[in-house]
Amino acid sequence: MNDEAEIARLEEEWMQAWVRKDLATCEHVLADDFLLTSARGVLMPKSDWIAGATWTFHCERFQWEDIRVRLLGDDVAVVHGRSVQKASVASQDWSGVFLTTDVWAKRDGRWQVVARHGTGPLKA
């Protein structure tokens, strides 16, 4: 499997793990220095994202509508994606269309996401 296909597979694996609350997979995919720039204007490190995925964020359905992987060398990639989700954050509806930009780094022979920026929910 080439790197573009591997990263696309990992994106899908990560988001489906979020839906299932499979935190072991989320921990594996996220780098220790992961940082989310959230659609709500929060900078969220890995530990906070994992805690939120456990208690605050609830996702019933997540689907990528478009995903584009761009390799920027042997060990860095940027992923641009458009997704639709049915979810809530702290009991508030957080369903809709989102745009995301993820930065992936290959470390010790393994791809991990180091940063995500999310925008949304947007009107469909």
PDB file of N, CA and C in Angstrom:
ATOM      1  N   MET A   1       0.850  -1.174   0.000  1.00  0.00           N
ATOM      2  CA  MET A   1       0.000   0.000   0.000  1.00  0.00           C
ATOM      3  C   MET A   1       0.897   1.239   0.000  1.00  0.00           C
ATOM      4  N   ASN A   2       0.601   2.185  -0.886  1.00  0.00           N
ATOM      5  CA  ASN A   2       1.416   3.397  -0.920  1.00  0.00           C
ATOM      6  C   ASN A   2       1.018   4.331   0.233  1.00  0.00           C
ATOM      7  N   ASP A   3       1.836   5.357   0.466  1.00  0.00           N
ATOM      8  CA  ASP A   3       1.612   6.247   1.601  1.00  0.00           C
ATOM      9  C   ASP A   3       0.278   6.979   1.530  1.00  0.00           C
ATOM     10  N   GLU A   4      -0.119   7.438   0.343  1.00  0.00           N
ATOM     11  CA  GLU A   4      -1.400   8.136   0.220  1.00  0.00           C
ATOM     12  C   GLU A   4      -2.556   7.229   0.636  1.00  0.00           C
ATOM     13  N   ALA A   5      -2.556   6.002   0.168  1.00  0.00           N
ATOM     14  CA  ALA A   5      -3.612   5.055   0.517  1.00  0.00           C
ATOM     15  C   ALA A   5      -3.572   4.705   2.002  1.00  0.00           C
ATOM     16  N   GLU A   6      -2.375   4.568   2.558  1.00  0.00           N
ATOM     17  CA  GLU A   6      -2.230   4.259   3.976  1.00  0.00           C
ATOM     18  C   GLU A   6      -2.796   5.379   4.845  1.00  0.00           C
ATOM     19  N   ILE A   7      -2.486   6.615   4.498  1.00  0.00           N
ATOM     20  CA  ILE A   7      -2.981   7.749   5.280  1.00  0.00           C
ATOM     21  C   ILE A   7      -4.494   7.865   5.151  1.00  0.00           C
ATOM     22  N   ALA A   8      -5.029   7.696   3.960  1.00  0.00           N
ATOM     23  CA  ALA A   8      -6.491   7.718   3.784  1.00  0.00           C
ATOM     24  C   ALA A   8      -7.147   6.628   4.628  1.00  0.00           C
ATOM     25  N   ARG A   9      -6.542   5.443   4.664  1.00  0.00           N
ATOM     26  CA  ARG A   9      -7.069   4.341   5.478  1.00  0.00           C
ATOM     27  C   ARG A   9      -7.026   4.706   6.965  1.00  0.00           C
ATOM     28  N   LEU A  10      -5.928   5.317   7.398  1.00  0.00           N
ATOM     29  CA  LEU A  10      -5.791   5.720   8.788  1.00  0.00           C
ATOM     30  C   LEU A  10      -6.790   6.815   9.168  1.00  0.00           C
ATOM     31  N   GLU A  11      -7.065   7.732   8.253  1.00  0.00           N
ATOM     32  CA  GLU A  11      -8.089   8.754   8.506  1.00  0.00           C
ATOM     33  C   GLU A  11      -9.438   8.090   8.787  1.00  0.00           C
ATOM     34  N   GLU A  12      -9.793   7.141   7.937  1.00  0.00           N
ATOM     35  CA  GLU A  12     -11.071   6.419   8.110  1.00  0.00           C
ATOM     36  C   GLU A  12     -11.059   5.617   9.411  1.00  0.00           C
ATOM     37  N   GLU A  13      -9.966   4.939   9.684  1.00  0.00           N
ATOM     38  CA  GLU A  13      -9.843   4.136  10.906  1.00  0.00           C
ATOM     39  C   GLU A  13      -9.989   5.010  12.147  1.00  0.00           C
ATOM     40  N   TRP A  14      -9.347   6.174  12.143  1.00  0.00           N
ATOM     41  CA  TRP A  14      -9.408   7.088  13.277  1.00  0.00           C
ATOM     42  C   TRP A  14     -10.845   7.564  13.527  1.00  0.00           C
ATOM     43  N   MET A  15     -11.520   8.020  12.468  1.00  0.00           N
ATOM     44  CA  MET A  15     -12.858   8.563  12.668  1.00  0.00           C
ATOM     45  C   MET A  15     -13.869   7.479  13.049  1.00  0.00           C
ATOM     46  N   GLN A  16     -13.720   6.277  12.498  1.00  0.00           N
ATOM     47  CA  GLN A  16     -14.626   5.197  12.895  1.00  0.00           C
ATOM     48  C   GLN A  16     -14.329   4.732  14.322  1.00  0.00           C
ATOM     49  N   ALA A  17     -13.063   4.814  14.736  1.00  0.00           N
ATOM     50  CA  ALA A  17     -12.715   4.506  16.130  1.00  0.00           C
ATOM     51  C   ALA A  17     -13.360   5.528  17.063  1.00  0.00           C
ATOM     52  N   TRP A  18     -13.407   6.786  16.654  1.00  0.00           N
ATOM     53  CA  TRP A  18     -14.074   7.830  17.430  1.00  0.00           C
ATOM     54  C   TRP A  18     -15.550   7.495  17.613  1.00  0.00           C
ATOM     55  N   VAL A  19     -16.206   7.102  16.524  1.00  0.00           N
ATOM     56  CA  VAL A  19     -17.627   6.747  16.594  1.00  0.00           C
ATOM     57  C   VAL A  19     -17.834   5.594  17.580  1.00  0.00           C
ATOM     58  N   ARG A  20     -16.975   4.584  17.525  1.00  0.00           N
ATOM     59  CA  ARG A  20     -17.101   3.387  18.381  1.00  0.00           C
ATOM     60  C   ARG A  20     -16.547   3.591  19.792  1.00  0.00           C
ATOM     61  N   LYS A  21     -15.908   4.753  20.012  1.00  0.00           N
ATOM     62  CA  LYS A  21     -15.208   5.030  21.273  1.00  0.00           C
ATOM     63  C   LYS A  21     -14.096   4.004  21.522  1.00  0.00           C
ATOM     64  N   ASP A  22     -13.416   3.657  20.444  1.00  0.00           N
ATOM     65  CA  ASP A  22     -12.250   2.775  20.487  1.00  0.00           C
ATOM     66  C   ASP A  22     -11.028   3.658  20.753  1.00  0.00           C
ATOM     67  N   LEU A  23     -10.808   3.957  22.010  1.00  0.00           N
ATOM     68  CA  LEU A  23      -9.773   4.918  22.375  1.00  0.00           C
ATOM     69  C   LEU A  23      -8.367   4.386  22.155  1.00  0.00           C
ATOM     70  N   ALA A  24      -8.185   3.077  22.177  1.00  0.00           N
ATOM     71  CA  ALA A  24      -6.859   2.506  21.909  1.00  0.00           C
ATOM     72  C   ALA A  24      -6.420   2.848  20.483  1.00  0.00           C
ATOM     73  N   THR A  25      -7.338   2.731  19.532  1.00  0.00           N
ATOM     74  CA  THR A  25      -7.006   3.082  18.149  1.00  0.00           C
ATOM     75  C   THR A  25      -6.744   4.578  18.031  1.00  0.00           C
ATOM     76  N   CYS A  26      -7.570   5.394  18.671  1.00  0.00           N
ATOM     77  CA  CYS A  26      -7.350   6.848  18.641  1.00  0.00           C
ATOM     78  C   CYS A  26      -5.989   7.209  19.217  1.00  0.00           C
ATOM     79  N   GLU A  27      -5.635   6.611  20.352  1.00  0.00           N
ATOM     80  CA  GLU A  27      -4.326   6.851  20.975  1.00  0.00           C
ATOM     81  C   GLU A  27      -3.191   6.494  20.018  1.00  0.00           C
ATOM     82  N   HIS A  28      -3.356   5.400  19.275  1.00  0.00           N
ATOM     83  CA  HIS A  28      -2.331   4.920  18.353  1.00  0.00           C
ATOM     84  C   HIS A  28      -2.165   5.865  17.159  1.00  0.00           C
ATOM     85  N   VAL A  29      -3.260   6.396  16.653  1.00  0.00           N
ATOM     86  CA  VAL A  29      -3.227   7.247  15.461  1.00  0.00           C
ATOM     87  C   VAL A  29      -2.720   8.649  15.788  1.00  0.00           C
ATOM     88  N   LEU A  30      -3.077   9.159  16.970  1.00  0.00           N
ATOM     89  CA  LEU A  30      -2.667  10.512  17.348  1.00  0.00           C
ATOM     90  C   LEU A  30      -1.247  10.522  17.910  1.00  0.00           C
ATOM     91  N   ALA A  31      -0.422  11.419  17.406  1.00  0.00           N
ATOM     92  CA  ALA A  31       0.926  11.596  17.957  1.00  0.00           C
ATOM     93  C   ALA A  31       0.809  12.213  19.352  1.00  0.00           C
ATOM     94  N   ASP A  32       1.811  11.980  20.171  1.00  0.00           N
ATOM     95  CA  ASP A  32       1.790  12.541  21.522  1.00  0.00           C
ATOM     96  C   ASP A  32       1.718  14.068  21.508  1.00  0.00           C
ATOM     97  N   ASP A  33       2.277  14.696  20.464  1.00  0.00           N
ATOM     98  CA  ASP A  33       2.253  16.158  20.367  1.00  0.00           C
ATOM     99  C   ASP A  33       1.106  16.675  19.491  1.00  0.00           C
ATOM    100  N   PHE A  34       0.085  15.839  19.261  1.00  0.00           N
ATOM    101  CA  PHE A  34      -1.099  16.237  18.488  1.00  0.00           C
ATOM    102  C   PHE A  34      -1.725  17.500  19.083  1.00  0.00           C
ATOM    103  N   LEU A  35      -2.195  18.380  18.192  1.00  0.00           N
ATOM    104  CA  LEU A  35      -2.902  19.584  18.609  1.00  0.00           C
ATOM    105  C   LEU A  35      -4.031  19.852  17.624  1.00  0.00           C
ATOM    106  N   LEU A  36      -5.246  19.987  18.152  1.00  0.00           N
ATOM    107  CA  LEU A  36      -6.432  20.306  17.356  1.00  0.00           C
ATOM    108  C   LEU A  36      -6.727  21.785  17.489  1.00  0.00           C
ATOM    109  N   THR A  37      -6.946  22.448  16.378  1.00  0.00           N
ATOM    110  CA  THR A  37      -7.522  23.784  16.349  1.00  0.00           C
ATOM    111  C   THR A  37      -8.979  23.556  16.005  1.00  0.00           C
ATOM    112  N   SER A  38      -9.841  23.640  17.016  1.00  0.00           N
ATOM    113  CA  SER A  38     -11.218  23.201  16.830  1.00  0.00           C
ATOM    114  C   SER A  38     -12.079  24.257  16.155  1.00  0.00           C
ATOM    115  N   ALA A  39     -13.204  23.796  15.618  1.00  0.00           N
ATOM    116  CA  ALA A  39     -14.177  24.684  15.009  1.00  0.00           C
ATOM    117  C   ALA A  39     -14.800  25.617  16.044  1.00  0.00           C
ATOM    118  N   ARG A  40     -14.646  25.283  17.321  1.00  0.00           N
ATOM    119  CA  ARG A  40     -15.162  26.128  18.407  1.00  0.00           C
ATOM    120  C   ARG A  40     -14.106  27.090  18.944  1.00  0.00           C
ATOM    121  N   GLY A  41     -12.961  27.149  18.301  1.00  0.00           N
ATOM    122  CA  GLY A  41     -11.933  28.105  18.682  1.00  0.00           C
ATOM    123  C   GLY A  41     -11.075  27.690  19.863  1.00  0.00           C
ATOM    124  N   VAL A  42     -10.919  26.387  20.040  1.00  0.00           N
ATOM    125  CA  VAL A  42     -10.142  25.864  21.159  1.00  0.00           C
ATOM    126  C   VAL A  42      -8.901  25.158  20.623  1.00  0.00           C
ATOM    127  N   LEU A  43      -7.762  25.377  21.275  1.00  0.00           N
ATOM    128  CA  LEU A  43      -6.565  24.592  21.002  1.00  0.00           C
ATOM    129  C   LEU A  43      -6.587  23.418  21.964  1.00  0.00           C
ATOM    130  N   MET A  44      -6.603  22.210  21.410  1.00  0.00           N
ATOM    131  CA  MET A  44      -6.822  21.014  22.220  1.00  0.00           C
ATOM    132  C   MET A  44      -5.712  19.995  21.984  1.00  0.00           C
ATOM    133  N   PRO A  45      -4.886  19.719  23.024  1.00  0.00           N
ATOM    134  CA  PRO A  45      -3.852  18.694  22.889  1.00  0.00           C
ATOM    135  C   PRO A  45      -4.469  17.290  22.910  1.00  0.00           C
ATOM    136  N   LYS A  46      -3.648  16.309  22.630  1.00  0.00           N
ATOM    137  CA  LYS A  46      -4.089  14.917  22.557  1.00  0.00           C
ATOM    138  C   LYS A  46      -4.845  14.486  23.811  1.00  0.00           C
ATOM    139  N   SER A  47      -4.315  14.786  24.981  1.00  0.00           N
ATOM    140  CA  SER A  47      -4.953  14.333  26.222  1.00  0.00           C
ATOM    141  C   SER A  47      -6.376  14.864  26.352  1.00  0.00           C
ATOM    142  N   ASP A  48      -6.596  16.113  25.961  1.00  0.00           N
ATOM    143  CA  ASP A  48      -7.939  16.699  26.023  1.00  0.00           C
ATOM    144  C   ASP A  48      -8.847  16.087  24.962  1.00  0.00           C
ATOM    145  N   TRP A  49      -8.301  15.815  23.759  1.00  0.00           N
ATOM    146  CA  TRP A  49      -9.106  15.194  22.707  1.00  0.00           C
ATOM    147  C   TRP A  49      -9.563  13.806  23.157  1.00  0.00           C
ATOM    148  N   ILE A  50      -8.660  13.027  23.716  1.00  0.00           N
ATOM    149  CA  ILE A  50      -9.000  11.681  24.181  1.00  0.00           C
ATOM    150  C   ILE A  50     -10.047  11.768  25.301  1.00  0.00           C
ATOM    151  N   ALA A  51      -9.875  12.684  26.243  1.00  0.00           N
ATOM    152  CA  ALA A  51     -10.858  12.853  27.318  1.00  0.00           C
ATOM    153  C   ALA A  51     -12.217  13.250  26.753  1.00  0.00           C
ATOM    154  N   GLY A  52     -12.227  14.151  25.786  1.00  0.00           N
ATOM    155  CA  GLY A  52     -13.481  14.557  25.150  1.00  0.00           C
ATOM    156  C   GLY A  52     -14.142  13.416  24.407  1.00  0.00           C
ATOM    157  N   ALA A  53     -13.335  12.624  23.718  1.00  0.00           N
ATOM    158  CA  ALA A  53     -13.874  11.475  22.979  1.00  0.00           C
ATOM    159  C   ALA A  53     -14.496  10.464  23.929  1.00  0.00           C
ATOM    160  N   THR A  54     -14.019  10.441  25.160  1.00  0.00           N
ATOM    161  CA  THR A  54     -14.534   9.524  26.163  1.00  0.00           C
ATOM    162  C   THR A  54     -15.864  10.016  26.743  1.00  0.00           C
ATOM    163  N   TRP A  55     -15.963  11.314  27.052  1.00  0.00           N
ATOM    164  CA  TRP A  55     -17.113  11.820  27.814  1.00  0.00           C
ATOM    165  C   TRP A  55     -17.940  12.866  27.100  1.00  0.00           C
ATOM    166  N   THR A  56     -17.331  13.804  26.393  1.00  0.00           N
ATOM    167  CA  THR A  56     -18.029  14.988  25.906  1.00  0.00           C
ATOM    168  C   THR A  56     -18.520  14.867  24.472  1.00  0.00           C
ATOM    169  N   PHE A  57     -17.716  14.263  23.606  1.00  0.00           N
ATOM    170  CA  PHE A  57     -18.056  14.155  22.182  1.00  0.00           C
ATOM    171  C   PHE A  57     -18.763  12.832  21.943  1.00  0.00           C
ATOM    172  N   HIS A  58     -19.906  12.895  21.306  1.00  0.00           N
ATOM    173  CA  HIS A  58     -20.629  11.671  20.956  1.00  0.00           C
ATOM    174  C   HIS A  58     -20.964  11.736  19.469  1.00  0.00           C
ATOM    175  N   CYS A  59     -20.489  10.760  18.740  1.00  0.00           N
ATOM    176  CA  CYS A  59     -20.728  10.718  17.297  1.00  0.00           C
ATOM    177  C   CYS A  59     -21.478   9.440  16.946  1.00  0.00           C
ATOM    178  N   GLU A  60     -22.623   9.596  16.333  1.00  0.00           N
ATOM    179  CA  GLU A  60     -23.415   8.446  15.883  1.00  0.00           C
ATOM    180  C   GLU A  60     -23.006   7.997  14.486  1.00  0.00           C
ATOM    181  N   ARG A  61     -22.601   8.972  13.654  1.00  0.00           N
ATOM    182  CA  ARG A  61     -22.266   8.647  12.268  1.00  0.00           C
ATOM    183  C   ARG A  61     -21.246   9.653  11.747  1.00  0.00           C
ATOM    184  N   PHE A  62     -20.245   9.142  11.057  1.00  0.00           N
ATOM    185  CA  PHE A  62     -19.218   9.976  10.429  1.00  0.00           C
ATOM    186  C   PHE A  62     -18.925   9.395   9.059  1.00  0.00           C
ATOM    187  N   GLN A  63     -18.867  10.257   8.047  1.00  0.00           N
ATOM    188  CA  GLN A  63     -18.553   9.791   6.695  1.00  0.00           C
ATOM    189  C   GLN A  63     -17.738  10.852   5.965  1.00  0.00           C
ATOM    190  N   TRP A  64     -16.638  10.408   5.378  1.00  0.00           N
ATOM    191  CA  TRP A  64     -15.874  11.287   4.501  1.00  0.00           C
ATOM    192  C   TRP A  64     -16.624  11.419   3.187  1.00  0.00           C
ATOM    193  N   GLU A  65     -16.832  12.650   2.725  1.00  0.00           N
ATOM    194  CA  GLU A  65     -17.411  12.895   1.404  1.00  0.00           C
ATOM    195  C   GLU A  65     -16.313  13.093   0.370  1.00  0.00           C
ATOM    196  N   ASP A  66     -15.206  13.652   0.806  1.00  0.00           N
ATOM    197  CA  ASP A  66     -14.062  13.897  -0.075  1.00  0.00           C
ATOM    198  C   ASP A  66     -12.828  13.927   0.814  1.00  0.00           C
ATOM    199  N   ILE A  67     -11.793  13.274   0.382  1.00  0.00           N
ATOM    200  CA  ILE A  67     -10.544  13.271   1.138  1.00  0.00           C
ATOM    201  C   ILE A  67      -9.393  13.291   0.143  1.00  0.00           C
ATOM    202  N   ARG A  68      -8.451  14.199   0.359  1.00  0.00           N
ATOM    203  CA  ARG A  68      -7.310  14.356  -0.549  1.00  0.00           C
ATOM    204  C   ARG A  68      -6.019  14.359   0.257  1.00  0.00           C
ATOM    205  N   VAL A  69      -5.154  13.437  -0.060  1.00  0.00           N
ATOM    206  CA  VAL A  69      -3.883  13.293   0.634  1.00  0.00           C
ATOM    207  C   VAL A  69      -2.784  13.878  -0.255  1.00  0.00           C
ATOM    208  N   ARG A  70      -1.986  14.772   0.312  1.00  0.00           N
ATOM    209  CA  ARG A  70      -0.865  15.371  -0.414  1.00  0.00           C
ATOM    210  C   ARG A  70       0.419  15.091   0.349  1.00  0.00           C
ATOM    211  N   LEU A  71       1.298  14.309  -0.252  1.00  0.00           N
ATOM    212  CA  LEU A  71       2.608  14.059   0.358  1.00  0.00           C
ATOM    213  C   LEU A  71       3.503  15.267   0.123  1.00  0.00           C
ATOM    214  N   LEU A  72       4.178  15.710   1.184  1.00  0.00           N
ATOM    215  CA  LEU A  72       5.076  16.856   1.088  1.00  0.00           C
ATOM    216  C   LEU A  72       6.513  16.444   1.343  1.00  0.00           C
ATOM    217  N   GLY A  73       6.800  15.201   1.073  1.00  0.00           N
ATOM    218  CA  GLY A  73       8.113  14.626   1.317  1.00  0.00           C
ATOM    219  C   GLY A  73       7.933  13.191   1.756  1.00  0.00           C
ATOM    220  N   ASP A  74       8.995  12.604   2.254  1.00  0.00           N
ATOM    221  CA  ASP A  74       8.931  11.210   2.685  1.00  0.00           C
ATOM    222  C   ASP A  74       8.236  11.023   4.019  1.00  0.00           C
ATOM    223  N   ASP A  75       8.157  12.096   4.815  1.00  0.00           N
ATOM    224  CA  ASP A  75       7.655  11.911   6.174  1.00  0.00           C
ATOM    225  C   ASP A  75       6.630  12.952   6.625  1.00  0.00           C
ATOM    226  N   VAL A  76       6.057  13.713   5.687  1.00  0.00           N
ATOM    227  CA  VAL A  76       5.024  14.698   6.017  1.00  0.00           C
ATOM    228  C   VAL A  76       3.943  14.653   4.945  1.00  0.00           C
ATOM    229  N   ALA A  77       2.695  14.708   5.404  1.00  0.00           N
ATOM    230  CA  ALA A  77       1.565  14.750   4.481  1.00  0.00           C
ATOM    231  C   ALA A  77       0.498  15.673   5.045  1.00  0.00           C
ATOM    232  N   VAL A  78      -0.245  16.295   4.139  1.00  0.00           N
ATOM    233  CA  VAL A  78      -1.392  17.121   4.504  1.00  0.00           C
ATOM    234  C   VAL A  78      -2.626  16.473   3.888  1.00  0.00           C
ATOM    235  N   VAL A  79      -3.677  16.382   4.706  1.00  0.00           N
ATOM    236  CA  VAL A  79      -4.935  15.818   4.240  1.00  0.00           C
ATOM    237  C   VAL A  79      -6.005  16.897   4.320  1.00  0.00           C
ATOM    238  N   HIS A  80      -6.690  17.114   3.200  1.00  0.00           N
ATOM    239  CA  HIS A  80      -7.833  18.028   3.153  1.00  0.00           C
ATOM    240  C   HIS A  80      -9.068  17.151   3.019  1.00  0.00           C
ATOM    241  N   GLY A  81     -10.060  17.392   3.860  1.00  0.00           N
ATOM    242  CA  GLY A  81     -11.242  16.553   3.812  1.00  0.00           C
ATOM    243  C   GLY A  81     -12.516  17.320   4.038  1.00  0.00           C
ATOM    244  N   ARG A  82     -13.568  16.751   3.488  1.00  0.00           N
ATOM    245  CA  ARG A  82     -14.933  17.235   3.707  1.00  0.00           C
ATOM    246  C   ARG A  82     -15.704  16.041   4.240  1.00  0.00           C
ATOM    247  N   SER A  83     -16.361  16.238   5.372  1.00  0.00           N
ATOM    248  CA  SER A  83     -17.078  15.133   6.002  1.00  0.00           C
ATOM    249  C   SER A  83     -18.449  15.581   6.455  1.00  0.00           C
ATOM    250  N   VAL A  84     -19.294  14.593   6.719  1.00  0.00           N
ATOM    251  CA  VAL A  84     -20.606  14.840   7.305  1.00  0.00           C
ATOM    252  C   VAL A  84     -20.717  13.943   8.531  1.00  0.00           C
ATOM    253  N   GLN A  85     -21.277  14.512   9.592  1.00  0.00           N
ATOM    254  CA  GLN A  85     -21.397  13.740  10.821  1.00  0.00           C
ATOM    255  C   GLN A  85     -22.713  14.042  11.522  1.00  0.00           C
ATOM    256  N   LYS A  86     -23.150  13.085  12.302  1.00  0.00           N
ATOM    257  CA  LYS A  86     -24.265  13.274  13.235  1.00  0.00           C
ATOM    258  C   LYS A  86     -23.635  13.120  14.608  1.00  0.00           C
ATOM    259  N   ALA A  87     -23.530  14.234  15.347  1.00  0.00           N
ATOM    260  CA  ALA A  87     -22.778  14.218  16.597  1.00  0.00           C
ATOM    261  C   ALA A  87     -23.284  15.292  17.544  1.00  0.00           C
ATOM    262  N   SER A  88     -22.821  15.184  18.780  1.00  0.00           N
ATOM    263  CA  SER A  88     -23.103  16.215  19.778  1.00  0.00           C
ATOM    264  C   SER A  88     -21.841  16.453  20.602  1.00  0.00           C
ATOM    265  N   VAL A  89     -21.746  17.669  21.130  1.00  0.00           N
ATOM    266  CA  VAL A  89     -20.666  18.044  22.020  1.00  0.00           C
ATOM    267  C   VAL A  89     -21.316  18.644  23.254  1.00  0.00           C
ATOM    268  N   ALA A  90     -21.081  18.022  24.397  1.00  0.00           N
ATOM    269  CA  ALA A  90     -21.676  18.477  25.656  1.00  0.00           C
ATOM    270  C   ALA A  90     -23.185  18.656  25.506  1.00  0.00           C
ATOM    271  N   SER A  91     -23.832  17.679  24.896  1.00  0.00           N
ATOM    272  CA  SER A  91     -25.289  17.630  24.707  1.00  0.00           C
ATOM    273  C   SER A  91     -25.833  18.670  23.729  1.00  0.00           C
ATOM    274  N   GLN A  92     -24.967  19.392  23.021  1.00  0.00           N
ATOM    275  CA  GLN A  92     -25.409  20.322  21.982  1.00  0.00           C
ATOM    276  C   GLN A  92     -25.203  19.671  20.624  1.00  0.00           C
ATOM    277  N   ASP A  93     -26.183  19.834  19.736  1.00  0.00           N
ATOM    278  CA  ASP A  93     -26.076  19.245  18.398  1.00  0.00           C
ATOM    279  C   ASP A  93     -24.858  19.806  17.685  1.00  0.00           C
ATOM    280  N   TRP A  94     -24.056  18.939  17.141  1.00  0.00           N
ATOM    281  CA  TRP A  94     -22.845  19.305  16.419  1.00  0.00           C
ATOM    282  C   TRP A  94     -22.795  18.507  15.125  1.00  0.00           C
ATOM    283  N   SER A  95     -23.987  18.397  14.510  1.00  0.00           N
ATOM    284  CA  SER A  95     -24.127  17.641  13.262  1.00  0.00           C
ATOM    285  C   SER A  95     -23.975  18.583  12.083  1.00  0.00           C
ATOM    286  N   GLY A  96     -23.526  18.039  10.969  1.00  0.00           N
ATOM    287  CA  GLY A  96     -23.418  18.827   9.755  1.00  0.00           C
ATOM    288  C   GLY A  96     -22.196  18.462   8.950  1.00  0.00           C
ATOM    289  N   VAL A  97     -21.835  19.378   8.076  1.00  0.00           N
ATOM    290  CA  VAL A  97     -20.700  19.211   7.177  1.00  0.00           C
ATOM    291  C   VAL A  97     -19.507  19.953   7.776  1.00  0.00           C
ATOM    292  N   PHE A  98     -18.339  19.323   7.731  1.00  0.00           N
ATOM    293  CA  PHE A  98     -17.114  19.916   8.252  1.00  0.00           C
ATOM    294  C   PHE A  98     -16.017  19.856   7.202  1.00  0.00           C
ATOM    295  N   LEU A  99     -15.150  20.841   7.238  1.00  0.00           N
ATOM    296  CA  LEU A  99     -13.913  20.821   6.467  1.00  0.00           C
ATOM    297  C   LEU A  99     -12.782  20.628   7.466  1.00  0.00           C
ATOM    298  N   THR A 100     -11.857  19.750   7.154  1.00  0.00           N
ATOM    299  CA  THR A 100     -10.725  19.510   8.042  1.00  0.00           C
ATOM    300  C   THR A 100      -9.430  19.519   7.249  1.00  0.00           C
ATOM    301  N   THR A 101      -8.394  19.947   7.931  1.00  0.00           N
ATOM    302  CA  THR A 101      -7.039  19.845   7.410  1.00  0.00           C
ATOM    303  C   THR A 101      -6.223  19.140   8.476  1.00  0.00           C
ATOM    304  N   ASP A 102      -5.645  18.013   8.123  1.00  0.00           N
ATOM    305  CA  ASP A 102      -4.815  17.227   9.030  1.00  0.00           C
ATOM    306  C   ASP A 102      -3.378  17.218   8.528  1.00  0.00           C
ATOM    307  N   VAL A 103      -2.450  17.278   9.464  1.00  0.00           N
ATOM    308  CA  VAL A 103      -1.028  17.149   9.150  1.00  0.00           C
ATOM    309  C   VAL A 103      -0.557  15.836   9.756  1.00  0.00           C
ATOM    310  N   TRP A 104       0.062  15.003   8.926  1.00  0.00           N
ATOM    311  CA  TRP A 104       0.567  13.692   9.323  1.00  0.00           C
ATOM    312  C   TRP A 104       2.086  13.696   9.251  1.00  0.00           C
ATOM    313  N   ALA A 105       2.705  13.004  10.189  1.00  0.00           N
ATOM    314  CA  ALA A 105       4.164  12.849  10.195  1.00  0.00           C
ATOM    315  C   ALA A 105       4.483  11.363  10.301  1.00  0.00           C
ATOM    316  N   LYS A 106       5.484  10.945   9.560  1.00  0.00           N
ATOM    317  CA  LYS A 106       5.947   9.562   9.640  1.00  0.00           C
ATOM    318  C   LYS A 106       7.132   9.537  10.593  1.00  0.00           C
ATOM    319  N   ARG A 107       6.935   8.856  11.719  1.00  0.00           N
ATOM    320  CA  ARG A 107       7.962   8.779  12.756  1.00  0.00           C
ATOM    321  C   ARG A 107       8.186   7.313  13.102  1.00  0.00           C
ATOM    322  N   ASP A 108       9.426   6.918  13.149  1.00  0.00           N
ATOM    323  CA  ASP A 108       9.757   5.525  13.451  1.00  0.00           C
ATOM    324  C   ASP A 108       9.001   4.561  12.537  1.00  0.00           C
ATOM    325  N   GLY A 109       8.868   4.946  11.260  1.00  0.00           N
ATOM    326  CA  GLY A 109       8.229   4.093  10.267  1.00  0.00           C
ATOM    327  C   GLY A 109       6.720   4.031  10.326  1.00  0.00           C
ATOM    328  N   ARG A 110       6.090   4.913  11.104  1.00  0.00           N
ATOM    329  CA  ARG A 110       4.635   4.860  11.296  1.00  0.00           C
ATOM    330  C   ARG A 110       4.032   6.246  11.142  1.00  0.00           C
ATOM    331  N   TRP A 111       2.932   6.332  10.387  1.00  0.00           N
ATOM    332  CA  TRP A 111       2.230   7.591  10.195  1.00  0.00           C
ATOM    333  C   TRP A 111       1.343   7.898  11.402  1.00  0.00           C
ATOM    334  N   GLN A 112       1.417   9.148  11.878  1.00  0.00           N
ATOM    335  CA  GLN A 112       0.540   9.630  12.942  1.00  0.00           C
ATOM    336  C   GLN A 112       0.107  11.059  12.619  1.00  0.00           C
ATOM    337  N   VAL A 113      -1.101  11.401  13.042  1.00  0.00           N
ATOM    338  CA  VAL A 113      -1.588  12.759  12.843  1.00  0.00           C
ATOM    339  C   VAL A 113      -1.050  13.634  13.967  1.00  0.00           C
ATOM    340  N   VAL A 114      -0.456  14.780  13.579  1.00  0.00           N
ATOM    341  CA  VAL A 114       0.132  15.700  14.550  1.00  0.00           C
ATOM    342  C   VAL A 114      -0.705  16.961  14.732  1.00  0.00           C
ATOM    343  N   ALA A 115      -1.571  17.267  13.765  1.00  0.00           N
ATOM    344  CA  ALA A 115      -2.388  18.474  13.879  1.00  0.00           C
ATOM    345  C   ALA A 115      -3.662  18.325  13.056  1.00  0.00           C
ATOM    346  N   ARG A 116      -4.738  18.923  13.564  1.00  0.00           N
ATOM    347  CA  ARG A 116      -6.003  18.998  12.830  1.00  0.00           C
ATOM    348  C   ARG A 116      -6.581  20.392  13.026  1.00  0.00           C
ATOM    349  N   HIS A 117      -7.081  20.941  11.930  1.00  0.00           N
ATOM    350  CA  HIS A 117      -7.876  22.175  11.985  1.00  0.00           C
ATOM    351  C   HIS A 117      -9.248  21.838  11.434  1.00  0.00           C
ATOM    352  N   GLY A 118     -10.284  22.164  12.183  1.00  0.00           N
ATOM    353  CA  GLY A 118     -11.648  21.890  11.743  1.00  0.00           C
ATOM    354  C   GLY A 118     -12.458  23.147  11.571  1.00  0.00           C
ATOM    355  N   THR A 119     -13.314  23.143  10.551  1.00  0.00           N
ATOM    356  CA  THR A 119     -14.245  24.241  10.287  1.00  0.00           C
ATOM    357  C   THR A 119     -15.625  23.653  10.122  1.00  0.00           C
ATOM    358  N   GLY A 120     -16.584  24.185  10.833  1.00  0.00           N
ATOM    359  CA  GLY A 120     -17.961  23.710  10.709  1.00  0.00           C
ATOM    360  C   GLY A 120     -18.626  23.691  12.067  1.00  0.00           C
ATOM    361  N   PRO A 121     -19.864  23.274  12.114  1.00  0.00           N
ATOM    362  CA  PRO A 121     -20.606  22.708  10.986  1.00  0.00           C
ATOM    363  C   PRO A 121     -21.042  23.782   9.994  1.00  0.00           C
ATOM    364  N   LEU A 122     -20.957  23.405   8.735  1.00  0.00           N
ATOM    365  CA  LEU A 122     -21.377  24.257   7.633  1.00  0.00           C
ATOM    366  C   LEU A 122     -22.778  23.841   7.192  1.00  0.00           C
ATOM    367  N   LYS A 123     -23.469  24.724   6.540  1.00  0.00           N
ATOM    368  CA  LYS A 123     -24.750  24.351   5.953  1.00  0.00           C
ATOM    369  C   LYS A 123     -24.494  23.435   4.778  1.00  0.00           C
ATOM    370  N   ALA A 124     -25.302  22.397   4.665  1.00  0.00           N
ATOM    371  CA  ALA A 124     -25.097  21.387   3.603  1.00  0.00           C
ATOM    372  C   ALA A 124     -25.221  22.000   2.221  1.00  0.00           C
TER     373      ALA A 124
END
